[in-house]
N, C-alpha and C. Protein backbone atom coordinates (compact mmCIF):
# COMPACT_ATOMS: atom_id res chain seq x y z
N MET A 1 -20.63 -20.85 1.72
CA MET A 1 -20.68 -20.78 0.28
C MET A 1 -19.27 -21.00 -0.27
N PRO A 2 -19.09 -21.94 -1.20
CA PRO A 2 -17.75 -22.21 -1.73
C PRO A 2 -17.27 -21.10 -2.65
N TRP A 3 -15.95 -21.01 -2.77
CA TRP A 3 -15.34 -20.05 -3.68
C TRP A 3 -15.56 -20.48 -5.11
N LYS A 4 -15.71 -19.52 -5.99
CA LYS A 4 -15.81 -19.82 -7.43
C LYS A 4 -14.39 -20.04 -7.96
N PRO A 5 -14.24 -20.93 -8.94
CA PRO A 5 -12.91 -21.14 -9.51
C PRO A 5 -12.37 -19.84 -10.11
N ARG A 6 -11.07 -19.64 -9.97
CA ARG A 6 -10.45 -18.45 -10.55
C ARG A 6 -10.33 -18.60 -12.05
N LYS A 7 -10.40 -17.48 -12.73
CA LYS A 7 -10.23 -17.50 -14.18
C LYS A 7 -8.75 -17.66 -14.50
N LYS A 8 -8.46 -18.29 -15.63
CA LYS A 8 -7.08 -18.45 -16.06
C LYS A 8 -6.49 -17.09 -16.39
N SER A 9 -5.30 -16.83 -15.89
CA SER A 9 -4.64 -15.55 -16.11
C SER A 9 -4.26 -15.37 -17.57
N GLU A 10 -4.57 -14.20 -18.11
CA GLU A 10 -4.17 -13.90 -19.49
C GLU A 10 -2.67 -13.66 -19.58
N THR A 11 -2.04 -13.22 -18.49
CA THR A 11 -0.61 -12.95 -18.49
C THR A 11 0.21 -14.17 -18.09
N GLY A 12 -0.46 -15.16 -17.50
CA GLY A 12 0.26 -16.33 -17.02
C GLY A 12 0.92 -16.12 -15.67
N ILE A 13 0.64 -14.98 -15.04
CA ILE A 13 1.23 -14.67 -13.74
C ILE A 13 0.22 -14.99 -12.64
N TYR A 14 0.67 -15.73 -11.64
CA TYR A 14 -0.19 -16.12 -10.53
C TYR A 14 0.52 -15.83 -9.22
N HIS A 15 -0.26 -15.65 -8.18
CA HIS A 15 0.27 -15.47 -6.84
C HIS A 15 0.10 -16.80 -6.10
N VAL A 16 1.18 -17.33 -5.59
CA VAL A 16 1.13 -18.61 -4.89
C VAL A 16 1.10 -18.34 -3.39
N ILE A 17 0.10 -18.91 -2.72
CA ILE A 17 -0.04 -18.75 -1.28
C ILE A 17 0.44 -20.03 -0.61
N VAL A 18 1.34 -19.88 0.33
CA VAL A 18 1.93 -21.04 0.98
C VAL A 18 1.57 -21.02 2.47
N ARG A 19 0.27 -21.00 2.72
CA ARG A 19 -0.22 -21.06 4.10
C ARG A 19 -1.52 -21.84 4.11
N GLY A 20 -1.79 -22.43 5.23
CA GLY A 20 -3.05 -23.14 5.39
C GLY A 20 -4.12 -22.21 5.93
N ILE A 21 -5.24 -22.80 6.26
CA ILE A 21 -6.35 -22.04 6.83
C ILE A 21 -5.91 -21.42 8.15
N GLY A 22 -6.26 -20.18 8.37
CA GLY A 22 -5.87 -19.49 9.61
C GLY A 22 -4.38 -19.22 9.67
N GLN A 23 -3.74 -19.11 8.51
CA GLN A 23 -2.30 -18.84 8.40
C GLN A 23 -1.43 -19.91 9.05
N GLN A 24 -1.95 -21.14 9.10
CA GLN A 24 -1.16 -22.25 9.64
C GLN A 24 -0.05 -22.61 8.66
N ASP A 25 1.08 -23.01 9.18
CA ASP A 25 2.16 -23.53 8.33
C ASP A 25 1.69 -24.82 7.67
N ILE A 26 2.08 -25.02 6.42
CA ILE A 26 1.73 -26.26 5.74
C ILE A 26 2.94 -27.16 5.55
N PHE A 27 4.13 -26.63 5.78
CA PHE A 27 5.34 -27.43 5.70
C PHE A 27 5.92 -27.58 7.09
N HIS A 28 5.95 -28.80 7.58
CA HIS A 28 6.49 -29.06 8.92
C HIS A 28 7.88 -29.68 8.85
N GLU A 29 8.23 -30.17 7.68
CA GLU A 29 9.55 -30.78 7.48
C GLU A 29 10.32 -29.98 6.44
N LYS A 30 11.59 -29.79 6.67
CA LYS A 30 12.45 -29.04 5.75
C LYS A 30 12.46 -29.69 4.36
N ASP A 31 12.46 -31.02 4.31
CA ASP A 31 12.47 -31.73 3.02
C ASP A 31 11.21 -31.46 2.20
N ASP A 32 10.07 -31.35 2.87
CA ASP A 32 8.82 -31.05 2.17
C ASP A 32 8.87 -29.66 1.53
N PHE A 33 9.37 -28.69 2.29
CA PHE A 33 9.47 -27.34 1.77
C PHE A 33 10.46 -27.29 0.61
N GLN A 34 11.56 -27.99 0.71
CA GLN A 34 12.55 -28.00 -0.37
C GLN A 34 11.96 -28.63 -1.63
N ARG A 35 11.18 -29.68 -1.46
CA ARG A 35 10.53 -30.30 -2.62
C ARG A 35 9.57 -29.32 -3.29
N TYR A 36 8.84 -28.56 -2.49
CA TYR A 36 7.96 -27.52 -3.03
C TYR A 36 8.76 -26.51 -3.84
N LEU A 37 9.87 -26.03 -3.29
CA LEU A 37 10.70 -25.06 -4.00
C LEU A 37 11.26 -25.63 -5.29
N ASP A 38 11.73 -26.87 -5.25
CA ASP A 38 12.28 -27.51 -6.45
C ASP A 38 11.21 -27.67 -7.53
N THR A 39 10.03 -28.08 -7.13
CA THR A 39 8.93 -28.27 -8.08
C THR A 39 8.52 -26.95 -8.68
N THR A 40 8.41 -25.91 -7.85
CA THR A 40 8.03 -24.59 -8.35
C THR A 40 9.07 -24.06 -9.34
N LYS A 41 10.34 -24.24 -9.03
CA LYS A 41 11.40 -23.78 -9.92
C LYS A 41 11.36 -24.54 -11.25
N LYS A 42 11.18 -25.86 -11.18
CA LYS A 42 11.12 -26.67 -12.40
C LYS A 42 9.96 -26.24 -13.29
N LEU A 43 8.80 -26.06 -12.71
CA LEU A 43 7.63 -25.67 -13.49
C LEU A 43 7.77 -24.26 -14.04
N SER A 44 8.40 -23.37 -13.28
CA SER A 44 8.62 -22.01 -13.75
C SER A 44 9.57 -22.00 -14.96
N GLN A 45 10.62 -22.80 -14.90
CA GLN A 45 11.55 -22.87 -16.02
C GLN A 45 10.89 -23.49 -17.25
N LYS A 46 10.05 -24.50 -17.02
CA LYS A 46 9.34 -25.16 -18.11
C LYS A 46 8.38 -24.18 -18.80
N ALA A 47 7.73 -23.33 -18.00
CA ALA A 47 6.76 -22.38 -18.55
C ALA A 47 7.43 -21.17 -19.19
N GLY A 48 8.70 -20.95 -18.83
CA GLY A 48 9.42 -19.81 -19.39
C GLY A 48 9.09 -18.54 -18.67
């Protein structure tokens, strides 16, 4: 049975999970992880 979509947070606070199924790593290259961090930081600053 598929998961139901999560409701939009009223506070705008979300928990970001950075693992794959079975707690597998999803970043195998340092550059990929750095891009994730840069993107997260940019979006966080944009959202305030």
